[in-house]
Amino acid sequence: MYVRIWTFEIKNELEARFEKVYGPAGAWAQLFQRAPGHVRTELLKDRGLPGRYLTCDYWRSLESYTAFQAQWKDEFDALDREGEVLTLRETCIGEFNLLA
């Protein structure tokens, strides 16, 4: 399984909106669910640092994620631009293989 992990620093007044958009039932997860290789999306909120979140997007394989990106590029880019207004900083922590 392939996992992409991102960290976000959110503007304080926009945390609830961010959680709605980036959560497991939010717009990102809904877009990802259009692809057969998407497994799940998790949103984690830092307990000690207000406004800091992690997203973990699970895919069956790197190939399934790459196919998703090719097929849904325009929708992905549009949603990414909408999400930028919610964040102060967004950083990809990395791409990982989940070990069984």
PDB file of N, CA and C in Angstrom:
ATOM      1  N   MET A   1       0.852  -1.169   0.000  1.00  0.00           N
ATOM      2  CA  MET A   1       0.000   0.000   0.000  1.00  0.00           C
ATOM      3  C   MET A   1       0.902   1.238   0.000  1.00  0.00           C
ATOM      4  N   TYR A   2       0.472   2.259  -0.717  1.00  0.00           N
ATOM      5  CA  TYR A   2       1.191   3.528  -0.867  1.00  0.00           C
ATOM      6  C   TYR A   2       0.474   4.601  -0.040  1.00  0.00           C
ATOM      7  N   VAL A   3       1.242   5.385   0.725  1.00  0.00           N
ATOM      8  CA  VAL A   3       0.660   6.409   1.601  1.00  0.00           C
ATOM      9  C   VAL A   3       1.386   7.734   1.384  1.00  0.00           C
ATOM     10  N   ARG A   4       0.611   8.804   1.182  1.00  0.00           N
ATOM     11  CA  ARG A   4       1.164  10.167   1.099  1.00  0.00           C
ATOM     12  C   ARG A   4       0.748  10.901   2.370  1.00  0.00           C
ATOM     13  N   ILE A   5       1.716  11.525   3.019  1.00  0.00           N
ATOM     14  CA  ILE A   5       1.440  12.236   4.269  1.00  0.00           C
ATOM     15  C   ILE A   5       1.835  13.701   4.116  1.00  0.00           C
ATOM     16  N   TRP A   6       0.902  14.565   4.499  1.00  0.00           N
ATOM     17  CA  TRP A   6       1.104  16.011   4.428  1.00  0.00           C
ATOM     18  C   TRP A   6       0.906  16.619   5.812  1.00  0.00           C
ATOM     19  N   THR A   7       1.605  17.698   6.078  1.00  0.00           N
ATOM     20  CA  THR A   7       1.359  18.480   7.277  1.00  0.00           C
ATOM     21  C   THR A   7       0.859  19.857   6.851  1.00  0.00           C
ATOM     22  N   PHE A   8      -0.080  20.378   7.634  1.00  0.00           N
ATOM     23  CA  PHE A   8      -0.698  21.673   7.347  1.00  0.00           C
ATOM     24  C   PHE A   8      -0.668  22.543   8.590  1.00  0.00           C
ATOM     25  N   GLU A   9      -0.415  23.811   8.389  1.00  0.00           N
ATOM     26  CA  GLU A   9      -0.584  24.810   9.443  1.00  0.00           C
ATOM     27  C   GLU A   9      -1.758  25.677   9.000  1.00  0.00           C
ATOM     28  N   ILE A  10      -2.806  25.706   9.826  1.00  0.00           N
ATOM     29  CA  ILE A  10      -4.075  26.322   9.454  1.00  0.00           C
ATOM     30  C   ILE A  10      -4.277  27.651  10.165  1.00  0.00           C
ATOM     31  N   LYS A  11      -4.892  28.581   9.450  1.00  0.00           N
ATOM     32  CA  LYS A  11      -5.280  29.851  10.060  1.00  0.00           C
ATOM     33  C   LYS A  11      -6.313  29.552  11.150  1.00  0.00           C
ATOM     34  N   ASN A  12      -6.109  30.089  12.350  1.00  0.00           N
ATOM     35  CA  ASN A  12      -6.941  29.744  13.511  1.00  0.00           C
ATOM     36  C   ASN A  12      -8.440  29.812  13.241  1.00  0.00           C
ATOM     37  N   GLU A  13      -8.882  30.873  12.641  1.00  0.00           N
ATOM     38  CA  GLU A  13     -10.315  31.043  12.447  1.00  0.00           C
ATOM     39  C   GLU A  13     -10.892  30.101  11.387  1.00  0.00           C
ATOM     40  N   LEU A  14     -10.028  29.355  10.702  1.00  0.00           N
ATOM     41  CA  LEU A  14     -10.494  28.498   9.619  1.00  0.00           C
ATOM     42  C   LEU A  14     -10.328  26.998   9.907  1.00  0.00           C
ATOM     43  N   GLU A  15     -10.027  26.649  11.143  1.00  0.00           N
ATOM     44  CA  GLU A  15      -9.804  25.242  11.474  1.00  0.00           C
ATOM     45  C   GLU A  15     -11.031  24.372  11.214  1.00  0.00           C
ATOM     46  N   ALA A  16     -12.203  24.819  11.616  1.00  0.00           N
ATOM     47  CA  ALA A  16     -13.423  24.015  11.423  1.00  0.00           C
ATOM     48  C   ALA A  16     -13.678  23.791   9.927  1.00  0.00           C
ATOM     49  N   ARG A  17     -13.471  24.810   9.141  1.00  0.00           N
ATOM     50  CA  ARG A  17     -13.659  24.689   7.688  1.00  0.00           C
ATOM     51  C   ARG A  17     -12.629  23.722   7.097  1.00  0.00           C
ATOM     52  N   PHE A  18     -11.388  23.834   7.554  1.00  0.00           N
ATOM     53  CA  PHE A  18     -10.345  22.925   7.089  1.00  0.00           C
ATOM     54  C   PHE A  18     -10.724  21.483   7.406  1.00  0.00           C
ATOM     55  N   GLU A  19     -11.164  21.226   8.623  1.00  0.00           N
ATOM     56  CA  GLU A  19     -11.540  19.872   9.024  1.00  0.00           C
ATOM     57  C   GLU A  19     -12.660  19.323   8.149  1.00  0.00           C
ATOM     58  N   LYS A  20     -13.564  20.176   7.777  1.00  0.00           N
ATOM     59  CA  LYS A  20     -14.683  19.744   6.928  1.00  0.00           C
ATOM     60  C   LYS A  20     -14.202  19.389   5.516  1.00  0.00           C
ATOM     61  N   VAL A  21     -13.298  20.178   4.964  1.00  0.00           N
ATOM     62  CA  VAL A  21     -12.823  19.965   3.595  1.00  0.00           C
ATOM     63  C   VAL A  21     -11.823  18.804   3.511  1.00  0.00           C
ATOM     64  N   TYR A  22     -10.943  18.680   4.508  1.00  0.00           N
ATOM     65  CA  TYR A  22      -9.855  17.704   4.450  1.00  0.00           C
ATOM     66  C   TYR A  22     -10.134  16.424   5.236  1.00  0.00           C
ATOM     67  N   GLY A  23     -11.223  16.364   5.944  1.00  0.00           N
ATOM     68  CA  GLY A  23     -11.555  15.178   6.723  1.00  0.00           C
ATOM     69  C   GLY A  23     -11.937  13.988   5.861  1.00  0.00           C
ATOM     70  N   PRO A  24     -12.153  12.830   6.471  1.00  0.00           N
ATOM     71  CA  PRO A  24     -12.428  11.600   5.727  1.00  0.00           C
ATOM     72  C   PRO A  24     -13.726  11.621   4.919  1.00  0.00           C
ATOM     73  N   ALA A  25     -14.629  12.561   5.190  1.00  0.00           N
ATOM     74  CA  ALA A  25     -15.851  12.685   4.386  1.00  0.00           C
ATOM     75  C   ALA A  25     -15.854  13.992   3.586  1.00  0.00           C
ATOM     76  N   GLY A  26     -14.729  14.695   3.587  1.00  0.00           N
ATOM     77  CA  GLY A  26     -14.633  16.005   2.951  1.00  0.00           C
ATOM     78  C   GLY A  26     -14.410  15.940   1.449  1.00  0.00           C
ATOM     79  N   ALA A  27     -14.234  17.108   0.871  1.00  0.00           N
ATOM     80  CA  ALA A  27     -14.101  17.245  -0.584  1.00  0.00           C
ATOM     81  C   ALA A  27     -12.910  16.468  -1.139  1.00  0.00           C
ATOM     82  N   TRP A  28     -11.783  16.474  -0.400  1.00  0.00           N
ATOM     83  CA  TRP A  28     -10.616  15.725  -0.880  1.00  0.00           C
ATOM     84  C   TRP A  28     -10.916  14.233  -0.929  1.00  0.00           C
ATOM     85  N   ALA A  29     -11.443  13.697   0.134  1.00  0.00           N
ATOM     86  CA  ALA A  29     -11.744  12.265   0.171  1.00  0.00           C
ATOM     87  C   ALA A  29     -12.776  11.901  -0.895  1.00  0.00           C
ATOM     88  N   GLN A  30     -13.744  12.772  -1.114  1.00  0.00           N
ATOM     89  CA  GLN A  30     -14.754  12.512  -2.143  1.00  0.00           C
ATOM     90  C   GLN A  30     -14.122  12.466  -3.531  1.00  0.00           C
ATOM     91  N   LEU A  31     -13.171  13.361  -3.784  1.00  0.00           N
ATOM     92  CA  LEU A  31     -12.464  13.330  -5.062  1.00  0.00           C
ATOM     93  C   LEU A  31     -11.644  12.054  -5.179  1.00  0.00           C
ATOM     94  N   PHE A  32     -10.894  11.722  -4.140  1.00  0.00           N
ATOM     95  CA  PHE A  32     -10.063  10.523  -4.179  1.00  0.00           C
ATOM     96  C   PHE A  32     -10.901   9.263  -4.373  1.00  0.00           C
ATOM     97  N   GLN A  33     -12.094   9.228  -3.787  1.00  0.00           N
ATOM     98  CA  GLN A  33     -12.942   8.038  -3.862  1.00  0.00           C
ATOM     99  C   GLN A  33     -13.425   7.750  -5.278  1.00  0.00           C
ATOM    100  N   ARG A  34     -13.277   8.691  -6.178  1.00  0.00           N
ATOM    101  CA  ARG A  34     -13.633   8.450  -7.580  1.00  0.00           C
ATOM    102  C   ARG A  34     -12.666   7.462  -8.236  1.00  0.00           C
ATOM    103  N   ALA A  35     -11.477   7.339  -7.651  1.00  0.00           N
ATOM    104  CA  ALA A  35     -10.455   6.448  -8.199  1.00  0.00           C
ATOM    105  C   ALA A  35     -10.556   5.077  -7.536  1.00  0.00           C
ATOM    106  N   PRO A  36     -10.512   4.020  -8.325  1.00  0.00           N
ATOM    107  CA  PRO A  36     -10.636   2.677  -7.745  1.00  0.00           C
ATOM    108  C   PRO A  36      -9.487   2.309  -6.811  1.00  0.00           C
ATOM    109  N   GLY A  37      -8.338   2.959  -6.916  1.00  0.00           N
ATOM    110  CA  GLY A  37      -7.194   2.606  -6.084  1.00  0.00           C
ATOM    111  C   GLY A  37      -7.134   3.299  -4.738  1.00  0.00           C
ATOM    112  N   HIS A  38      -8.072   4.211  -4.462  1.00  0.00           N
ATOM    113  CA  HIS A  38      -8.073   4.912  -3.179  1.00  0.00           C
ATOM    114  C   HIS A  38      -8.618   3.994  -2.091  1.00  0.00           C
ATOM    115  N   VAL A  39      -7.913   3.936  -0.968  1.00  0.00           N
ATOM    116  CA  VAL A  39      -8.320   3.081   0.140  1.00  0.00           C
ATOM    117  C   VAL A  39      -9.021   3.902   1.222  1.00  0.00           C
ATOM    118  N   ARG A  40      -8.332   4.950   1.720  1.00  0.00           N
ATOM    119  CA  ARG A  40      -8.946   5.810   2.737  1.00  0.00           C
ATOM    120  C   ARG A  40      -8.097   7.066   2.920  1.00  0.00           C
ATOM    121  N   THR A  41      -8.708   8.040   3.589  1.00  0.00           N
ATOM    122  CA  THR A  41      -8.029   9.280   3.952  1.00  0.00           C
ATOM    123  C   THR A  41      -8.241   9.499   5.442  1.00  0.00           C
ATOM    124  N   GLU A  42      -7.167   9.855   6.138  1.00  0.00           N
ATOM    125  CA  GLU A  42      -7.251  10.152   7.566  1.00  0.00           C
ATOM    126  C   GLU A  42      -6.788  11.581   7.804  1.00  0.00           C
ATOM    127  N   LEU A  43      -7.434  12.243   8.748  1.00  0.00           N
ATOM    128  CA  LEU A  43      -7.042  13.589   9.165  1.00  0.00           C
ATOM    129  C   LEU A  43      -6.703  13.524  10.644  1.00  0.00           C
ATOM    130  N   LEU A  44      -5.500  13.978  10.999  1.00  0.00           N
ATOM    131  CA  LEU A  44      -5.031  13.960  12.380  1.00  0.00           C
ATOM    132  C   LEU A  44      -4.789  15.396  12.835  1.00  0.00           C
ATOM    133  N   LYS A  45      -5.264  15.713  14.041  1.00  0.00           N
ATOM    134  CA  LYS A  45      -5.079  17.042  14.626  1.00  0.00           C
ATOM    135  C   LYS A  45      -4.051  16.952  15.741  1.00  0.00           C
ATOM    136  N   ASP A  46      -3.050  17.810  15.684  1.00  0.00           N
ATOM    137  CA  ASP A  46      -1.989  17.822  16.688  1.00  0.00           C
ATOM    138  C   ASP A  46      -2.574  18.201  18.041  1.00  0.00           C
ATOM    139  N   ARG A  47      -2.267  17.417  19.068  1.00  0.00           N
ATOM    140  CA  ARG A  47      -2.790  17.673  20.413  1.00  0.00           C
ATOM    141  C   ARG A  47      -2.076  18.825  21.093  1.00  0.00           C
ATOM    142  N   GLY A  48      -0.835  19.092  20.710  1.00  0.00           N
ATOM    143  CA  GLY A  48      -0.055  20.088  21.419  1.00  0.00           C
ATOM    144  C   GLY A  48       0.192  21.380  20.670  1.00  0.00           C
ATOM    145  N   LEU A  49      -0.082  21.391  19.376  1.00  0.00           N
ATOM    146  CA  LEU A  49       0.198  22.574  18.567  1.00  0.00           C
ATOM    147  C   LEU A  49      -1.062  22.982  17.809  1.00  0.00           C
ATOM    148  N   PRO A  50      -1.785  23.989  18.287  1.00  0.00           N
ATOM    149  CA  PRO A  50      -3.023  24.412  17.626  1.00  0.00           C
ATOM    150  C   PRO A  50      -2.794  24.763  16.157  1.00  0.00           C
ATOM    151  N   GLY A  51      -3.729  24.346  15.332  1.00  0.00           N
ATOM    152  CA  GLY A  51      -3.674  24.670  13.918  1.00  0.00           C
ATOM    153  C   GLY A  51      -2.789  23.755  13.096  1.00  0.00           C
ATOM    154  N   ARG A  52      -2.225  22.710  13.696  1.00  0.00           N
ATOM    155  CA  ARG A  52      -1.371  21.783  12.956  1.00  0.00           C
ATOM    156  C   ARG A  52      -2.113  20.471  12.738  1.00  0.00           C
ATOM    157  N   TYR A  53      -2.100  20.003  11.479  1.00  0.00           N
ATOM    158  CA  TYR A  53      -2.788  18.787  11.082  1.00  0.00           C
ATOM    159  C   TYR A  53      -1.883  17.931  10.192  1.00  0.00           C
ATOM    160  N   LEU A  54      -2.203  16.649  10.147  1.00  0.00           N
ATOM    161  CA  LEU A  54      -1.608  15.729   9.184  1.00  0.00           C
ATOM    162  C   LEU A  54      -2.740  15.102   8.380  1.00  0.00           C
ATOM    163  N   THR A  55      -2.495  14.899   7.095  1.00  0.00           N
ATOM    164  CA  THR A  55      -3.394  14.074   6.295  1.00  0.00           C
ATOM    165  C   THR A  55      -2.606  12.865   5.824  1.00  0.00           C
ATOM    166  N   CYS A  56      -3.264  11.717   5.835  1.00  0.00           N
ATOM    167  CA  CYS A  56      -2.673  10.471   5.360  1.00  0.00           C
ATOM    168  C   CYS A  56      -3.627   9.899   4.316  1.00  0.00           C
ATOM    169  N   ASP A  57      -3.148   9.824   3.092  1.00  0.00           N
ATOM    170  CA  ASP A  57      -3.962   9.298   1.990  1.00  0.00           C
ATOM    171  C   ASP A  57      -3.409   7.942   1.587  1.00  0.00           C
ATOM    172  N   TYR A  58      -4.245   6.927   1.707  1.00  0.00           N
ATOM    173  CA  TYR A  58      -3.849   5.545   1.451  1.00  0.00           C
ATOM    174  C   TYR A  58      -4.351   5.112   0.077  1.00  0.00           C
ATOM    175  N   TRP A  59      -3.446   4.536  -0.694  1.00  0.00           N
ATOM    176  CA  TRP A  59      -3.739   4.048  -2.040  1.00  0.00           C
ATOM    177  C   TRP A  59      -3.248   2.608  -2.150  1.00  0.00           C
ATOM    178  N   ARG A  60      -3.865   1.856  -3.019  1.00  0.00           N
ATOM    179  CA  ARG A  60      -3.442   0.458  -3.208  1.00  0.00           C
ATOM    180  C   ARG A  60      -1.992   0.376  -3.673  1.00  0.00           C
ATOM    181  N   SER A  61      -1.573   1.365  -4.478  1.00  0.00           N
ATOM    182  CA  SER A  61      -0.208   1.358  -5.018  1.00  0.00           C
ATOM    183  C   SER A  61       0.136   2.760  -5.518  1.00  0.00           C
ATOM    184  N   LEU A  62       1.407   2.994  -5.744  1.00  0.00           N
ATOM    185  CA  LEU A  62       1.842   4.249  -6.357  1.00  0.00           C
ATOM    186  C   LEU A  62       1.211   4.393  -7.735  1.00  0.00           C
ATOM    187  N   GLU A  63       1.103   3.291  -8.454  1.00  0.00           N
ATOM    188  CA  GLU A  63       0.515   3.326  -9.793  1.00  0.00           C
ATOM    189  C   GLU A  63      -0.947   3.778  -9.753  1.00  0.00           C
ATOM    190  N   SER A  64      -1.693   3.338  -8.753  1.00  0.00           N
ATOM    191  CA  SER A  64      -3.100   3.758  -8.672  1.00  0.00           C
ATOM    192  C   SER A  64      -3.195   5.250  -8.356  1.00  0.00           C
ATOM    193  N   TYR A  65      -2.273   5.768  -7.534  1.00  0.00           N
ATOM    194  CA  TYR A  65      -2.260   7.205  -7.258  1.00  0.00           C
ATOM    195  C   TYR A  65      -1.872   7.990  -8.508  1.00  0.00           C
ATOM    196  N   THR A  66      -0.889   7.517  -9.236  1.00  0.00           N
ATOM    197  CA  THR A  66      -0.445   8.178 -10.466  1.00  0.00           C
ATOM    198  C   THR A  66      -1.572   8.199 -11.500  1.00  0.00           C
ATOM    199  N   ALA A  67      -2.296   7.104 -11.620  1.00  0.00           N
ATOM    200  CA  ALA A  67      -3.437   7.045 -12.550  1.00  0.00           C
ATOM    201  C   ALA A  67      -4.513   8.041 -12.128  1.00  0.00           C
ATOM    202  N   PHE A  68      -4.774   8.132 -10.824  1.00  0.00           N
ATOM    203  CA  PHE A  68      -5.738   9.113 -10.326  1.00  0.00           C
ATOM    204  C   PHE A  68      -5.313  10.524 -10.723  1.00  0.00           C
ATOM    205  N   GLN A  69      -4.040  10.853 -10.486  1.00  0.00           N
ATOM    206  CA  GLN A  69      -3.546  12.198 -10.804  1.00  0.00           C
ATOM    207  C   GLN A  69      -3.735  12.524 -12.278  1.00  0.00           C
ATOM    208  N   ALA A  70      -3.471  11.577 -13.139  1.00  0.00           N
ATOM    209  CA  ALA A  70      -3.609  11.806 -14.578  1.00  0.00           C
ATOM    210  C   ALA A  70      -5.072  12.027 -14.956  1.00  0.00           C
ATOM    211  N   GLN A  71      -5.958  11.231 -14.401  1.00  0.00           N
ATOM    212  CA  GLN A  71      -7.374  11.302 -14.769  1.00  0.00           C
ATOM    213  C   GLN A  71      -8.088  12.506 -14.165  1.00  0.00           C
ATOM    214  N   TRP A  72      -7.739  12.895 -12.959  1.00  0.00           N
ATOM    215  CA  TRP A  72      -8.478  13.929 -12.240  1.00  0.00           C
ATOM    216  C   TRP A  72      -7.648  15.190 -11.988  1.00  0.00           C
ATOM    217  N   LYS A  73      -6.660  15.456 -12.837  1.00  0.00           N
ATOM    218  CA  LYS A  73      -5.741  16.570 -12.640  1.00  0.00           C
ATOM    219  C   LYS A  73      -6.445  17.914 -12.486  1.00  0.00           C
ATOM    220  N   ASP A  74      -7.372  18.230 -13.368  1.00  0.00           N
ATOM    221  CA  ASP A  74      -8.044  19.534 -13.308  1.00  0.00           C
ATOM    222  C   ASP A  74      -8.830  19.710 -12.018  1.00  0.00           C
ATOM    223  N   GLU A  75      -9.569  18.685 -11.612  1.00  0.00           N
ATOM    224  CA  GLU A  75     -10.339  18.746 -10.374  1.00  0.00           C
ATOM    225  C   GLU A  75      -9.415  18.845  -9.160  1.00  0.00           C
ATOM    226  N   PHE A  76      -8.315  18.092  -9.194  1.00  0.00           N
ATOM    227  CA  PHE A  76      -7.328  18.118  -8.119  1.00  0.00           C
ATOM    228  C   PHE A  76      -6.741  19.522  -7.980  1.00  0.00           C
ATOM    229  N   ASP A  77      -6.316  20.106  -9.091  1.00  0.00           N
ATOM    230  CA  ASP A  77      -5.713  21.443  -9.067  1.00  0.00           C
ATOM    231  C   ASP A  77      -6.696  22.500  -8.563  1.00  0.00           C
ATOM    232  N   ALA A  78      -7.955  22.397  -8.983  1.00  0.00           N
ATOM    233  CA  ALA A  78      -8.965  23.370  -8.544  1.00  0.00           C
ATOM    234  C   ALA A  78      -9.200  23.257  -7.040  1.00  0.00           C
ATOM    235  N   LEU A  79      -9.309  22.051  -6.543  1.00  0.00           N
ATOM    236  CA  LEU A  79      -9.523  21.843  -5.107  1.00  0.00           C
ATOM    237  C   LEU A  79      -8.299  22.286  -4.306  1.00  0.00           C
ATOM    238  N   ASP A  80      -7.127  22.060  -4.842  1.00  0.00           N
ATOM    239  CA  ASP A  80      -5.900  22.493  -4.184  1.00  0.00           C
ATOM    240  C   ASP A  80      -5.859  24.013  -4.060  1.00  0.00           C
ATOM    241  N   ARG A  81      -6.268  24.721  -5.100  1.00  0.00           N
ATOM    242  CA  ARG A  81      -6.309  26.189  -5.044  1.00  0.00           C
ATOM    243  C   ARG A  81      -7.318  26.672  -4.004  1.00  0.00           C
ATOM    244  N   GLU A  82      -8.457  26.017  -3.911  1.00  0.00           N
ATOM    245  CA  GLU A  82      -9.458  26.383  -2.901  1.00  0.00           C
ATOM    246  C   GLU A  82      -8.916  26.166  -1.488  1.00  0.00           C
ATOM    247  N   GLY A  83      -8.169  25.098  -1.296  1.00  0.00           N
ATOM    248  CA  GLY A  83      -7.624  24.783   0.019  1.00  0.00           C
ATOM    249  C   GLY A  83      -6.525  25.727   0.466  1.00  0.00           C
ATOM    250  N   GLU A  84      -5.853  26.356  -0.474  1.00  0.00           N
ATOM    251  CA  GLU A  84      -4.751  27.258  -0.134  1.00  0.00           C
ATOM    252  C   GLU A  84      -5.195  28.429   0.739  1.00  0.00           C
ATOM    253  N   VAL A  85      -6.440  28.874   0.614  1.00  0.00           N
ATOM    254  CA  VAL A  85      -6.906  30.010   1.418  1.00  0.00           C
ATOM    255  C   VAL A  85      -7.067  29.638   2.897  1.00  0.00           C
ATOM    256  N   LEU A  86      -7.085  28.337   3.200  1.00  0.00           N
ATOM    257  CA  LEU A  86      -7.266  27.873   4.570  1.00  0.00           C
ATOM    258  C   LEU A  86      -5.941  27.704   5.314  1.00  0.00           C
ATOM    259  N   THR A  87      -4.847  27.652   4.579  1.00  0.00           N
ATOM    260  CA  THR A  87      -3.577  27.267   5.175  1.00  0.00           C
ATOM    261  C   THR A  87      -2.554  28.394   5.199  1.00  0.00           C
ATOM    262  N   LEU A  88      -1.704  28.339   6.218  1.00  0.00           N
ATOM    263  CA  LEU A  88      -0.534  29.204   6.280  1.00  0.00           C
ATOM    264  C   LEU A  88       0.653  28.498   5.636  1.00  0.00           C
ATOM    265  N   ARG A  89       0.685  27.164   5.811  1.00  0.00           N
ATOM    266  CA  ARG A  89       1.786  26.361   5.285  1.00  0.00           C
ATOM    267  C   ARG A  89       1.287  24.942   5.025  1.00  0.00           C
ATOM    268  N   GLU A  90       1.800  24.355   3.955  1.00  0.00           N
ATOM    269  CA  GLU A  90       1.453  22.984   3.569  1.00  0.00           C
ATOM    270  C   GLU A  90       2.738  22.316   3.088  1.00  0.00           C
ATOM    271  N   THR A  91       3.065  21.167   3.678  1.00  0.00           N
ATOM    272  CA  THR A  91       4.320  20.501   3.344  1.00  0.00           C
ATOM    273  C   THR A  91       4.095  19.000   3.206  1.00  0.00           C
ATOM    274  N   CYS A  92       4.602  18.441   2.129  1.00  0.00           N
ATOM    275  CA  CYS A  92       4.556  16.977   1.987  1.00  0.00           C
ATOM    276  C   CYS A  92       5.653  16.386   2.858  1.00  0.00           C
ATOM    277  N   ILE A  93       5.245  15.579   3.830  1.00  0.00           N
ATOM    278  CA  ILE A  93       6.215  14.908   4.698  1.00  0.00           C
ATOM    279  C   ILE A  93       6.912  13.800   3.910  1.00  0.00           C
ATOM    280  N   GLY A  94       6.133  13.100   3.113  1.00  0.00           N
ATOM    281  CA  GLY A  94       6.742  12.056   2.288  1.00  0.00           C
ATOM    282  C   GLY A  94       5.753  11.066   1.735  1.00  0.00           C
ATOM    283  N   GLU A  95       6.314  10.132   0.982  1.00  0.00           N
ATOM    284  CA  GLU A  95       5.568   9.052   0.357  1.00  0.00           C
ATOM    285  C   GLU A  95       6.098   7.767   0.961  1.00  0.00           C
ATOM    286  N   PHE A  96       5.191   6.910   1.427  1.00  0.00           N
ATOM    287  CA  PHE A  96       5.591   5.736   2.194  1.00  0.00           C
ATOM    288  C   PHE A  96       4.910   4.475   1.643  1.00  0.00           C
ATOM    289  N   ASN A  97       5.562   3.364   1.897  1.00  0.00           N
ATOM    290  CA  ASN A  97       4.943   2.061   1.650  1.00  0.00           C
ATOM    291  C   ASN A  97       4.529   1.504   3.000  1.00  0.00           C
ATOM    292  N   LEU A  98       3.281   1.106   3.114  1.00  0.00           N
ATOM    293  CA  LEU A  98       2.780   0.487   4.337  1.00  0.00           C
ATOM    294  C   LEU A  98       3.216  -0.970   4.347  1.00  0.00           C
ATOM    295  N   LEU A  99       3.908  -1.356   5.400  1.00  0.00           N
ATOM    296  CA  LEU A  99       4.400  -2.726   5.499  1.00  0.00           C
ATOM    297  C   LEU A  99       3.374  -3.600   6.199  1.00  0.00           C
ATOM    298  N   ALA A 100       3.178  -4.761   5.650  1.00  0.00           N
ATOM    299  CA  ALA A 100       2.182  -5.692   6.215  1.00  0.00           C
ATOM    300  C   ALA A 100       2.777  -6.491   7.351  1.00  0.00           C
TER     301      ALA A 100
END
